[in-house]
């Protein structure tokens, strides 16, 4: 199982889509294409590529599909899926759902946010969920000979940042995974904050 966990964690780190045979759910033994997010106890939390929903898959029900494998657990790399060209394209599959939950969705080229409205209908100034792009990561500071403090930055390996107003946050290398987490946070925050759905 350790090999599988390592593989799933590597896929999550790289934002990769992988293919597994899953002996659980409504179709035991079916091939599933997933984008792992993290290991959560005895499960892997991942985006189901077919439904774009975030689901939990029991590690014990993941079976190898490679003829060369010698363990009872496995996953194999799947053909790459088309990557979204930009943030708008990545979020587009979730837009109707997010707005239907009662959120006001505001999108920009490298940022998208969801806001609540006051009872009078005015938009709040602070966001509840955000996804944004940071090209560089702050790594520290240096002091020059003249005493000037300079920030040290490096190119970010995981430039997509997703944050919820309750301080939960995640970073992603790939935009598709970040968009899925953004939608997940929006769903969870809508429940936690008791937001009225649009059609209510």
N, C-alpha and C. Protein backbone atom coordinates (compact mmCIF):
# COMPACT_ATOMS: atom_id res chain seq x y z
N UNK A 1 0.82 -1.20 0.00
CA UNK A 1 0.00 0.00 0.00
C UNK A 1 0.85 1.25 0.00
N UNK A 2 2.04 1.18 0.63
CA UNK A 2 2.91 2.36 0.67
C UNK A 2 3.28 2.84 -0.72
N UNK A 3 3.51 1.89 -1.65
CA UNK A 3 3.85 2.27 -3.02
C UNK A 3 2.69 3.01 -3.67
N UNK A 4 1.48 2.58 -3.39
CA UNK A 4 0.31 3.23 -3.97
C UNK A 4 0.14 4.62 -3.39
N UNK A 5 0.30 4.73 -2.08
CA UNK A 5 0.18 6.04 -1.45
C UNK A 5 1.21 7.00 -2.01
N UNK A 6 2.44 6.52 -2.16
CA UNK A 6 3.49 7.35 -2.74
C UNK A 6 3.13 7.79 -4.14
N UNK A 7 2.62 6.85 -4.93
CA UNK A 7 2.23 7.17 -6.31
C UNK A 7 1.10 8.19 -6.34
N UNK A 8 0.10 8.01 -5.49
CA UNK A 8 -1.02 8.94 -5.44
C UNK A 8 -0.57 10.33 -5.00
N UNK A 9 0.32 10.37 -4.03
CA UNK A 9 0.83 11.66 -3.56
C UNK A 9 1.63 12.36 -4.66
N UNK A 10 2.41 11.59 -5.40
CA UNK A 10 3.17 12.17 -6.51
C UNK A 10 2.23 12.71 -7.58
N UNK A 11 1.16 11.97 -7.87
CA UNK A 11 0.18 12.42 -8.85
C UNK A 11 -0.51 13.70 -8.38
N UNK A 12 -0.81 13.76 -7.07
CA UNK A 12 -1.44 14.96 -6.52
C UNK A 12 -0.50 16.16 -6.63
N UNK A 13 0.77 15.92 -6.30
CA UNK A 13 1.77 16.99 -6.36
C UNK A 13 1.92 17.53 -7.78
N UNK A 14 1.88 16.64 -8.74
CA UNK A 14 2.08 17.03 -10.15
C UNK A 14 0.78 17.47 -10.82
N UNK A 15 -0.35 17.29 -10.13
CA UNK A 15 -1.64 17.63 -10.72
C UNK A 15 -2.02 16.71 -11.86
N UNK A 16 -1.62 15.44 -11.78
CA UNK A 16 -1.83 14.50 -12.87
C UNK A 16 -3.17 13.78 -12.76
N UNK A 17 -3.66 13.35 -13.89
CA UNK A 17 -4.83 12.48 -13.96
C UNK A 17 -4.31 11.05 -14.10
N UNK A 18 -4.83 10.13 -13.28
CA UNK A 18 -4.41 8.75 -13.35
C UNK A 18 -5.62 7.85 -13.54
N UNK A 19 -5.37 6.61 -13.88
CA UNK A 19 -6.43 5.64 -14.12
C UNK A 19 -6.29 4.50 -13.13
N UNK A 20 -7.39 4.13 -12.50
CA UNK A 20 -7.38 3.03 -11.53
C UNK A 20 -8.54 2.09 -11.84
N UNK A 21 -8.45 0.87 -11.32
CA UNK A 21 -9.59 -0.05 -11.30
C UNK A 21 -10.10 -0.01 -9.87
N UNK A 22 -11.35 0.35 -9.71
CA UNK A 22 -11.89 0.55 -8.37
C UNK A 22 -12.98 -0.46 -8.06
N UNK A 23 -12.76 -1.26 -7.00
CA UNK A 23 -13.71 -2.29 -6.60
C UNK A 23 -14.62 -1.76 -5.49
N UNK A 24 -15.33 -0.72 -5.81
CA UNK A 24 -16.24 -0.12 -4.86
C UNK A 24 -17.23 0.75 -5.62
N UNK A 25 -18.10 1.43 -4.89
CA UNK A 25 -19.06 2.31 -5.53
C UNK A 25 -20.16 1.54 -6.25
N UNK A 26 -20.81 2.23 -7.17
CA UNK A 26 -21.95 1.63 -7.87
C UNK A 26 -21.55 0.71 -9.01
N UNK A 27 -20.27 0.78 -9.43
CA UNK A 27 -19.80 -0.07 -10.53
C UNK A 27 -18.47 -0.71 -10.15
N UNK A 28 -18.49 -1.68 -9.23
CA UNK A 28 -17.24 -2.33 -8.81
C UNK A 28 -16.48 -2.92 -10.00
N UNK A 29 -15.18 -2.70 -10.03
CA UNK A 29 -14.36 -3.23 -11.10
C UNK A 29 -14.22 -2.31 -12.30
N UNK A 30 -14.91 -1.19 -12.26
CA UNK A 30 -14.85 -0.25 -13.39
C UNK A 30 -13.55 0.55 -13.34
N UNK A 31 -13.10 0.95 -14.51
CA UNK A 31 -11.93 1.82 -14.61
C UNK A 31 -12.37 3.23 -14.28
N UNK A 32 -11.64 3.88 -13.41
CA UNK A 32 -11.95 5.25 -13.01
C UNK A 32 -10.76 6.15 -13.35
N UNK A 33 -11.05 7.31 -13.88
CA UNK A 33 -10.01 8.31 -14.12
C UNK A 33 -10.16 9.38 -13.06
N UNK A 34 -9.10 9.58 -12.29
CA UNK A 34 -9.17 10.50 -11.16
C UNK A 34 -7.96 11.43 -11.15
N UNK A 35 -8.13 12.55 -10.49
CA UNK A 35 -7.02 13.48 -10.24
C UNK A 35 -6.86 13.55 -8.72
N UNK A 36 -5.89 12.81 -8.15
CA UNK A 36 -5.73 12.79 -6.69
C UNK A 36 -5.46 14.17 -6.11
N UNK A 37 -6.04 14.41 -4.94
CA UNK A 37 -5.83 15.66 -4.22
C UNK A 37 -4.97 15.42 -2.99
N UNK A 38 -5.37 14.43 -2.16
CA UNK A 38 -4.63 14.13 -0.94
C UNK A 38 -5.06 12.78 -0.39
N UNK A 39 -4.21 12.22 0.47
CA UNK A 39 -4.58 11.01 1.20
C UNK A 39 -5.33 11.45 2.45
N UNK A 40 -6.49 10.86 2.67
CA UNK A 40 -7.34 11.22 3.81
C UNK A 40 -7.68 9.94 4.57
N UNK A 41 -6.84 9.61 5.56
CA UNK A 41 -7.04 8.38 6.31
C UNK A 41 -6.79 7.16 5.43
N UNK A 42 -7.81 6.30 5.32
CA UNK A 42 -7.67 5.10 4.48
C UNK A 42 -8.24 5.32 3.08
N UNK A 43 -8.39 6.59 2.71
CA UNK A 43 -8.94 6.93 1.39
C UNK A 43 -8.01 7.90 0.67
N UNK A 44 -8.23 8.02 -0.62
CA UNK A 44 -7.63 9.10 -1.38
C UNK A 44 -8.78 10.00 -1.80
N UNK A 45 -8.62 11.28 -1.56
CA UNK A 45 -9.61 12.26 -2.01
C UNK A 45 -9.18 12.75 -3.37
N UNK A 46 -10.07 12.67 -4.33
CA UNK A 46 -9.69 12.96 -5.72
C UNK A 46 -10.86 13.49 -6.51
N UNK A 47 -10.53 14.18 -7.60
CA UNK A 47 -11.56 14.63 -8.52
C UNK A 47 -11.88 13.49 -9.47
N UNK A 48 -13.15 13.13 -9.58
CA UNK A 48 -13.59 12.15 -10.57
C UNK A 48 -13.68 12.90 -11.90
N UNK A 49 -12.89 12.49 -12.86
CA UNK A 49 -12.84 13.20 -14.14
C UNK A 49 -14.17 13.12 -14.89
N UNK A 50 -14.87 12.02 -14.74
CA UNK A 50 -16.14 11.85 -15.46
C UNK A 50 -17.22 12.80 -14.97
N UNK A 51 -17.27 13.02 -13.65
CA UNK A 51 -18.35 13.84 -13.07
C UNK A 51 -17.88 15.20 -12.59
N UNK A 52 -16.56 15.38 -12.50
CA UNK A 52 -15.93 16.60 -11.97
C UNK A 52 -16.25 16.83 -10.50
N UNK A 53 -16.73 15.80 -9.82
CA UNK A 53 -17.01 15.89 -8.39
C UNK A 53 -15.80 15.39 -7.60
N UNK A 54 -15.63 15.92 -6.40
CA UNK A 54 -14.57 15.45 -5.51
C UNK A 54 -15.13 14.28 -4.70
N UNK A 55 -14.43 13.14 -4.75
CA UNK A 55 -14.90 11.93 -4.09
C UNK A 55 -13.79 11.30 -3.26
N UNK A 56 -14.18 10.38 -2.38
CA UNK A 56 -13.23 9.59 -1.61
C UNK A 56 -13.21 8.16 -2.16
N UNK A 57 -12.02 7.64 -2.37
CA UNK A 57 -11.84 6.27 -2.85
C UNK A 57 -11.03 5.49 -1.82
N UNK A 58 -11.58 4.36 -1.38
CA UNK A 58 -10.88 3.53 -0.40
C UNK A 58 -9.61 2.96 -1.01
N UNK A 59 -8.49 3.12 -0.32
CA UNK A 59 -7.23 2.59 -0.82
C UNK A 59 -7.29 1.08 -0.99
N UNK A 60 -8.00 0.40 -0.10
CA UNK A 60 -8.08 -1.06 -0.16
C UNK A 60 -8.88 -1.57 -1.35
N UNK A 61 -9.61 -0.67 -2.02
CA UNK A 61 -10.43 -1.09 -3.15
C UNK A 61 -9.83 -0.67 -4.48
N UNK A 62 -8.63 -0.11 -4.44
CA UNK A 62 -7.93 0.26 -5.66
C UNK A 62 -7.09 -0.93 -6.10
N UNK A 63 -7.33 -1.41 -7.30
CA UNK A 63 -6.61 -2.59 -7.80
C UNK A 63 -5.72 -2.22 -8.98
N UNK A 64 -4.60 -2.92 -9.03
CA UNK A 64 -3.66 -2.69 -10.11
C UNK A 64 -4.20 -3.19 -11.44
N UNK A 65 -3.86 -2.50 -12.51
CA UNK A 65 -4.27 -2.95 -13.84
C UNK A 65 -3.07 -3.32 -14.71
N UNK A 66 -1.88 -3.15 -14.18
CA UNK A 66 -0.67 -3.46 -14.94
C UNK A 66 -0.30 -4.93 -14.77
N UNK A 67 0.04 -5.60 -15.87
CA UNK A 67 0.43 -7.01 -15.81
C UNK A 67 1.73 -7.23 -15.05
N UNK A 68 2.55 -6.20 -14.97
CA UNK A 68 3.86 -6.34 -14.35
C UNK A 68 3.85 -6.07 -12.85
N UNK A 69 2.69 -5.68 -12.30
CA UNK A 69 2.65 -5.30 -10.89
C UNK A 69 2.62 -6.54 -10.00
N UNK A 70 3.14 -6.39 -8.82
CA UNK A 70 3.19 -7.52 -7.89
C UNK A 70 2.59 -7.17 -6.53
N UNK A 71 1.75 -6.14 -6.50
CA UNK A 71 1.10 -5.76 -5.24
C UNK A 71 -0.40 -5.84 -5.42
N UNK A 72 -1.12 -5.79 -4.31
CA UNK A 72 -2.58 -5.87 -4.38
C UNK A 72 -3.22 -4.51 -4.59
N UNK A 73 -2.41 -3.46 -4.61
CA UNK A 73 -2.92 -2.13 -4.85
C UNK A 73 -2.14 -1.55 -6.02
N UNK A 74 -2.79 -0.70 -6.80
CA UNK A 74 -2.04 -0.05 -7.86
C UNK A 74 -2.84 1.03 -8.52
N UNK A 75 -2.15 1.77 -9.35
CA UNK A 75 -2.76 2.77 -10.21
C UNK A 75 -1.83 2.91 -11.39
N UNK A 76 -2.36 3.25 -12.52
CA UNK A 76 -1.48 3.45 -13.66
C UNK A 76 -1.80 4.79 -14.30
N UNK A 77 -0.83 5.34 -14.96
CA UNK A 77 -1.01 6.64 -15.57
C UNK A 77 -2.00 6.53 -16.73
N UNK A 78 -2.86 7.52 -16.81
CA UNK A 78 -3.84 7.58 -17.89
C UNK A 78 -3.37 8.58 -18.93
N UNK A 79 -3.90 8.47 -20.14
CA UNK A 79 -3.57 9.48 -21.14
C UNK A 79 -3.96 10.86 -20.62
N UNK A 80 -3.16 11.84 -20.93
CA UNK A 80 -3.41 13.19 -20.44
C UNK A 80 -4.73 13.72 -21.01
N UNK A 81 -5.48 14.42 -20.17
CA UNK A 81 -6.70 15.06 -20.63
C UNK A 81 -6.37 16.48 -21.05
N UNK A 82 -7.18 17.05 -21.93
CA UNK A 82 -6.92 18.43 -22.35
C UNK A 82 -6.90 19.36 -21.16
N UNK A 83 -5.87 20.18 -21.08
CA UNK A 83 -5.76 21.13 -19.97
C UNK A 83 -6.50 22.41 -20.32
N UNK A 84 -7.16 23.03 -19.33
CA UNK A 84 -7.83 24.30 -19.62
C UNK A 84 -6.80 25.35 -20.03
N UNK A 85 -7.17 26.17 -20.99
CA UNK A 85 -6.25 27.18 -21.51
C UNK A 85 -6.11 28.37 -20.59
N UNK A 86 -7.13 28.60 -19.76
CA UNK A 86 -7.10 29.75 -18.86
C UNK A 86 -8.06 29.52 -17.71
N UNK A 87 -8.09 30.46 -16.78
CA UNK A 87 -8.92 30.30 -15.59
C UNK A 87 -10.40 30.25 -15.94
N UNK A 88 -10.84 31.08 -16.84
CA UNK A 88 -12.26 31.09 -17.22
C UNK A 88 -12.67 29.72 -17.75
N UNK A 89 -11.84 29.13 -18.59
CA UNK A 89 -12.15 27.81 -19.15
C UNK A 89 -12.17 26.74 -18.07
N UNK A 90 -11.28 26.86 -17.08
CA UNK A 90 -11.22 25.87 -16.00
C UNK A 90 -12.44 25.93 -15.10
N UNK A 91 -12.95 27.12 -14.87
CA UNK A 91 -14.07 27.30 -13.95
C UNK A 91 -15.42 27.13 -14.64
N UNK A 92 -15.45 27.29 -15.93
CA UNK A 92 -16.70 27.26 -16.68
C UNK A 92 -17.59 26.05 -16.35
N UNK A 93 -17.04 24.82 -16.23
CA UNK A 93 -17.92 23.68 -15.91
C UNK A 93 -18.61 23.78 -14.55
N UNK A 94 -18.09 24.63 -13.66
CA UNK A 94 -18.64 24.74 -12.30
C UNK A 94 -19.50 25.99 -12.12
N UNK A 95 -19.52 26.89 -13.09
CA UNK A 95 -20.16 28.19 -12.90
C UNK A 95 -21.64 28.10 -12.54
N UNK A 96 -22.40 27.31 -13.28
CA UNK A 96 -23.84 27.20 -13.00
C UNK A 96 -24.09 26.66 -11.60
N UNK A 97 -23.31 25.64 -11.21
CA UNK A 97 -23.47 25.07 -9.87
C UNK A 97 -23.16 26.09 -8.79
N UNK A 98 -22.04 26.82 -8.96
CA UNK A 98 -21.63 27.80 -7.95
C UNK A 98 -22.68 28.90 -7.81
N UNK A 99 -23.17 29.41 -8.93
CA UNK A 99 -24.19 30.46 -8.85
C UNK A 99 -25.49 29.90 -8.29
N UNK A 100 -25.81 28.65 -8.64
CA UNK A 100 -27.02 28.02 -8.13
C UNK A 100 -27.00 27.84 -6.62
N UNK A 101 -25.79 27.75 -6.05
CA UNK A 101 -25.65 27.62 -4.60
C UNK A 101 -25.99 28.93 -3.88
N UNK A 102 -26.06 30.03 -4.64
CA UNK A 102 -26.38 31.32 -4.04
C UNK A 102 -25.22 32.30 -4.04
N UNK A 103 -24.10 31.90 -4.61
CA UNK A 103 -22.92 32.76 -4.64
C UNK A 103 -22.99 33.78 -5.77
N UNK A 104 -22.31 34.90 -5.57
CA UNK A 104 -22.01 35.83 -6.65
C UNK A 104 -20.59 35.50 -7.09
N UNK A 105 -20.43 35.08 -8.33
CA UNK A 105 -19.13 34.67 -8.85
C UNK A 105 -18.54 35.80 -9.69
N UNK A 106 -17.32 36.21 -9.33
CA UNK A 106 -16.63 37.28 -10.05
C UNK A 106 -15.34 36.70 -10.61
N UNK A 107 -15.15 36.79 -11.92
CA UNK A 107 -13.96 36.23 -12.54
C UNK A 107 -13.11 37.32 -13.18
N UNK A 108 -11.81 37.14 -13.09
CA UNK A 108 -10.82 38.00 -13.71
C UNK A 108 -9.82 37.07 -14.41
N UNK A 109 -8.89 37.63 -15.20
CA UNK A 109 -7.96 36.75 -15.92
C UNK A 109 -7.20 35.75 -15.05
N UNK A 110 -6.72 36.17 -13.88
CA UNK A 110 -5.93 35.29 -13.02
C UNK A 110 -6.50 35.16 -11.61
N UNK A 111 -7.79 35.44 -11.49
CA UNK A 111 -8.44 35.36 -10.18
C UNK A 111 -9.93 35.17 -10.35
N UNK A 112 -10.52 34.36 -9.45
CA UNK A 112 -11.98 34.24 -9.39
C UNK A 112 -12.36 34.19 -7.92
N UNK A 113 -13.48 34.81 -7.58
CA UNK A 113 -13.91 34.88 -6.19
C UNK A 113 -15.41 34.65 -6.09
N UNK A 114 -15.84 34.18 -4.94
CA UNK A 114 -17.27 34.10 -4.67
C UNK A 114 -17.58 34.95 -3.45
N UNK A 115 -18.69 35.66 -3.54
CA UNK A 115 -19.12 36.59 -2.50
C UNK A 115 -20.56 36.30 -2.09
N UNK A 116 -20.88 36.68 -0.86
CA UNK A 116 -22.27 36.70 -0.42
C UNK A 116 -22.83 38.10 -0.62
N UNK A 117 -24.13 38.20 -0.53
CA UNK A 117 -24.78 39.50 -0.57
C UNK A 117 -25.43 39.78 0.79
N UNK A 118 -25.52 41.06 1.14
CA UNK A 118 -26.25 41.45 2.34
C UNK A 118 -27.74 41.26 2.08
N UNK A 119 -28.53 41.34 3.13
CA UNK A 119 -29.98 41.16 2.99
C UNK A 119 -30.59 42.20 2.06
N UNK A 120 -29.95 43.37 1.98
CA UNK A 120 -30.47 44.42 1.10
C UNK A 120 -30.06 44.21 -0.36
N UNK A 121 -29.32 43.12 -0.61
CA UNK A 121 -28.92 42.80 -1.97
C UNK A 121 -27.56 43.29 -2.38
N UNK A 122 -26.94 44.13 -1.57
CA UNK A 122 -25.62 44.66 -1.91
C UNK A 122 -24.55 43.58 -1.72
N UNK A 123 -23.56 43.63 -2.60
CA UNK A 123 -22.48 42.65 -2.56
C UNK A 123 -21.52 42.96 -1.42
N UNK A 124 -21.16 41.94 -0.65
CA UNK A 124 -20.16 42.13 0.41
C UNK A 124 -18.81 42.44 -0.21
N UNK A 125 -17.96 43.11 0.53
CA UNK A 125 -16.65 43.51 0.02
C UNK A 125 -15.59 42.42 0.20
N UNK A 126 -15.83 41.49 1.11
CA UNK A 126 -14.85 40.43 1.35
C UNK A 126 -15.32 39.12 0.74
N UNK A 127 -14.41 38.43 0.12
CA UNK A 127 -14.74 37.16 -0.54
C UNK A 127 -14.86 36.04 0.48
N UNK A 128 -15.51 34.95 0.07
CA UNK A 128 -15.58 33.75 0.89
C UNK A 128 -14.71 32.63 0.35
N UNK A 129 -14.52 32.59 -0.96
CA UNK A 129 -13.62 31.62 -1.59
C UNK A 129 -12.91 32.33 -2.74
N UNK A 130 -11.63 32.02 -2.89
CA UNK A 130 -10.86 32.65 -3.96
C UNK A 130 -9.91 31.64 -4.61
N UNK A 131 -9.69 31.82 -5.89
CA UNK A 131 -8.65 31.10 -6.61
C UNK A 131 -7.84 32.17 -7.34
N UNK A 132 -6.52 32.12 -7.21
CA UNK A 132 -5.70 33.10 -7.90
C UNK A 132 -4.32 32.55 -8.22
N UNK A 133 -3.67 33.24 -9.12
CA UNK A 133 -2.38 32.80 -9.65
C UNK A 133 -1.26 33.65 -9.08
N UNK A 134 -0.22 32.99 -8.55
CA UNK A 134 0.98 33.67 -8.07
C UNK A 134 2.17 33.10 -8.83
N UNK A 135 2.76 33.91 -9.67
CA UNK A 135 3.88 33.43 -10.48
C UNK A 135 5.12 33.15 -9.64
N UNK A 136 5.28 33.94 -8.57
CA UNK A 136 6.47 33.80 -7.72
C UNK A 136 6.10 33.51 -6.28
N UNK A 137 6.98 32.82 -5.59
CA UNK A 137 6.82 32.50 -4.17
C UNK A 137 7.87 33.24 -3.37
N UNK A 138 7.45 33.86 -2.28
CA UNK A 138 8.37 34.56 -1.39
C UNK A 138 9.14 33.54 -0.56
N UNK A 139 10.45 33.61 -0.59
CA UNK A 139 11.26 32.62 0.12
C UNK A 139 12.08 33.20 1.27
N UNK A 140 12.10 34.51 1.42
CA UNK A 140 12.86 35.11 2.51
C UNK A 140 13.27 36.54 2.15
N UNK A 141 14.21 37.07 2.92
CA UNK A 141 14.70 38.43 2.69
C UNK A 141 16.20 38.48 2.86
N UNK A 142 16.81 39.45 2.20
CA UNK A 142 18.25 39.69 2.38
C UNK A 142 18.45 41.16 2.70
N UNK A 143 19.52 41.44 3.43
CA UNK A 143 19.85 42.83 3.76
C UNK A 143 21.12 43.19 3.02
N UNK A 144 21.03 44.22 2.19
CA UNK A 144 22.17 44.65 1.40
C UNK A 144 23.18 45.42 2.22
N UNK A 145 24.34 45.74 1.63
CA UNK A 145 25.39 46.50 2.33
C UNK A 145 24.90 47.84 2.87
N UNK A 146 23.92 48.43 2.18
CA UNK A 146 23.41 49.72 2.62
C UNK A 146 22.24 49.59 3.59
N UNK A 147 21.95 48.35 4.02
CA UNK A 147 20.88 48.12 4.98
C UNK A 147 19.51 47.96 4.35
N UNK A 148 19.45 47.96 3.03
CA UNK A 148 18.18 47.81 2.33
C UNK A 148 17.69 46.36 2.41
N UNK A 149 16.44 46.21 2.79
CA UNK A 149 15.83 44.89 2.88
C UNK A 149 15.22 44.53 1.53
N UNK A 150 15.62 43.37 1.00
CA UNK A 150 15.13 42.93 -0.30
C UNK A 150 14.44 41.58 -0.17
N UNK A 151 13.25 41.49 -0.71
CA UNK A 151 12.54 40.21 -0.70
C UNK A 151 13.16 39.27 -1.72
N UNK A 152 13.27 37.99 -1.34
CA UNK A 152 13.80 36.97 -2.24
C UNK A 152 12.63 36.13 -2.73
N UNK A 153 12.49 36.02 -4.05
CA UNK A 153 11.41 35.25 -4.62
C UNK A 153 11.95 34.24 -5.62
N UNK A 154 11.19 33.19 -5.82
CA UNK A 154 11.55 32.21 -6.84
C UNK A 154 10.28 31.82 -7.59
N UNK A 155 10.48 31.31 -8.79
CA UNK A 155 9.35 30.87 -9.60
C UNK A 155 8.56 29.80 -8.85
N UNK A 156 7.27 30.00 -8.73
CA UNK A 156 6.44 29.07 -7.96
C UNK A 156 6.25 27.76 -8.69
N UNK A 157 6.42 26.64 -7.98
CA UNK A 157 6.17 25.33 -8.55
C UNK A 157 4.69 24.99 -8.50
N UNK A 158 3.95 25.63 -7.60
CA UNK A 158 2.51 25.41 -7.46
C UNK A 158 1.84 26.79 -7.44
N UNK A 159 1.68 27.40 -8.61
CA UNK A 159 1.27 28.80 -8.66
C UNK A 159 -0.21 29.07 -8.41
N UNK A 160 -1.06 28.04 -8.46
CA UNK A 160 -2.49 28.27 -8.26
C UNK A 160 -2.84 28.09 -6.78
N UNK A 161 -3.42 29.13 -6.21
CA UNK A 161 -3.71 29.19 -4.78
C UNK A 161 -5.21 29.29 -4.58
N UNK A 162 -5.77 28.40 -3.76
CA UNK A 162 -7.20 28.38 -3.48
C UNK A 162 -7.39 28.54 -1.97
N UNK A 163 -8.26 29.47 -1.60
CA UNK A 163 -8.45 29.73 -0.16
C UNK A 163 -9.91 29.96 0.15
N UNK A 164 -10.32 29.46 1.33
CA UNK A 164 -11.66 29.66 1.86
C UNK A 164 -11.56 30.65 3.02
N UNK A 165 -12.63 31.36 3.31
CA UNK A 165 -12.60 32.37 4.37
C UNK A 165 -12.36 31.79 5.75
N UNK A 166 -12.50 30.47 5.91
CA UNK A 166 -12.20 29.85 7.21
C UNK A 166 -10.72 29.47 7.33
N UNK A 167 -9.90 29.98 6.40
CA UNK A 167 -8.44 29.82 6.38
C UNK A 167 -7.95 28.49 5.83
N UNK A 168 -8.82 27.64 5.35
CA UNK A 168 -8.35 26.45 4.64
C UNK A 168 -7.81 26.91 3.30
N UNK A 169 -6.72 26.29 2.88
CA UNK A 169 -6.15 26.68 1.59
C UNK A 169 -5.36 25.52 0.99
N UNK A 170 -5.16 25.59 -0.31
CA UNK A 170 -4.41 24.58 -1.05
C UNK A 170 -3.67 25.27 -2.18
N UNK A 171 -2.56 24.67 -2.59
CA UNK A 171 -1.84 25.16 -3.76
C UNK A 171 -1.76 24.04 -4.78
N UNK A 172 -1.73 24.40 -6.05
CA UNK A 172 -1.75 23.42 -7.12
C UNK A 172 -0.79 23.79 -8.22
N UNK A 173 -0.19 22.78 -8.80
CA UNK A 173 0.63 22.98 -9.98
C UNK A 173 -0.25 23.16 -11.20
N UNK A 174 -1.34 22.37 -11.27
CA UNK A 174 -2.21 22.38 -12.43
C UNK A 174 -3.52 23.11 -12.15
N UNK A 175 -3.95 23.89 -13.12
CA UNK A 175 -5.15 24.70 -12.99
C UNK A 175 -6.41 23.86 -12.81
N UNK A 176 -6.51 22.73 -13.49
CA UNK A 176 -7.72 21.91 -13.40
C UNK A 176 -7.98 21.46 -11.97
N UNK A 177 -6.95 21.03 -11.27
CA UNK A 177 -7.10 20.61 -9.88
C UNK A 177 -7.48 21.77 -8.98
N UNK A 178 -6.91 22.95 -9.25
CA UNK A 178 -7.24 24.13 -8.46
C UNK A 178 -8.70 24.53 -8.65
N UNK A 179 -9.18 24.45 -9.89
CA UNK A 179 -10.58 24.80 -10.16
C UNK A 179 -11.53 23.85 -9.45
N UNK A 180 -11.19 22.57 -9.43
CA UNK A 180 -12.03 21.58 -8.73
C UNK A 180 -12.07 21.87 -7.24
N UNK A 181 -10.92 22.24 -6.65
CA UNK A 181 -10.89 22.58 -5.22
C UNK A 181 -11.69 23.86 -4.96
N UNK A 182 -11.60 24.83 -5.85
CA UNK A 182 -12.36 26.07 -5.72
C UNK A 182 -13.86 25.76 -5.65
N UNK A 183 -14.33 24.89 -6.54
CA UNK A 183 -15.74 24.51 -6.54
C UNK A 183 -16.10 23.74 -5.26
N UNK A 184 -15.19 22.90 -4.81
CA UNK A 184 -15.44 22.13 -3.58
C UNK A 184 -15.56 23.07 -2.38
N UNK A 185 -14.65 24.03 -2.27
CA UNK A 185 -14.72 25.00 -1.17
C UNK A 185 -16.03 25.80 -1.25
N UNK A 186 -16.45 26.15 -2.46
CA UNK A 186 -17.69 26.91 -2.62
C UNK A 186 -18.89 26.10 -2.13
N UNK A 187 -18.90 24.80 -2.44
CA UNK A 187 -19.99 23.92 -1.97
C UNK A 187 -20.01 23.86 -0.44
N UNK A 188 -18.84 23.61 0.13
CA UNK A 188 -18.75 23.45 1.58
C UNK A 188 -19.08 24.74 2.32
N UNK A 189 -18.61 25.87 1.80
CA UNK A 189 -18.88 27.16 2.45
C UNK A 189 -20.35 27.53 2.35
N UNK A 190 -21.00 27.15 1.25
CA UNK A 190 -22.42 27.44 1.10
C UNK A 190 -23.23 26.75 2.19
N UNK A 191 -22.83 25.53 2.53
CA UNK A 191 -23.51 24.78 3.60
C UNK A 191 -23.17 25.39 4.95
N UNK A 192 -21.88 25.65 5.20
CA UNK A 192 -21.45 26.18 6.49
C UNK A 192 -22.05 27.55 6.80
N UNK A 193 -22.21 28.36 5.76
CA UNK A 193 -22.73 29.73 5.96
C UNK A 193 -24.23 29.81 5.73
N UNK A 194 -24.85 28.66 5.42
CA UNK A 194 -26.30 28.59 5.25
C UNK A 194 -26.79 29.57 4.19
N UNK A 195 -26.12 29.54 3.05
CA UNK A 195 -26.50 30.43 1.95
C UNK A 195 -27.72 29.87 1.23
N UNK A 196 -28.67 30.73 0.93
CA UNK A 196 -29.88 30.29 0.25
C UNK A 196 -29.60 30.08 -1.23
N UNK A 197 -29.95 28.92 -1.78
CA UNK A 197 -29.76 28.68 -3.21
C UNK A 197 -30.51 29.70 -4.04
N UNK A 198 -30.05 29.91 -5.26
CA UNK A 198 -30.66 30.91 -6.15
C UNK A 198 -32.12 30.62 -6.44
N UNK A 199 -32.46 29.34 -6.57
CA UNK A 199 -33.84 29.01 -6.94
C UNK A 199 -34.75 28.89 -5.72
N UNK A 200 -34.19 29.20 -4.52
CA UNK A 200 -35.00 29.09 -3.30
C UNK A 200 -35.96 30.28 -3.18
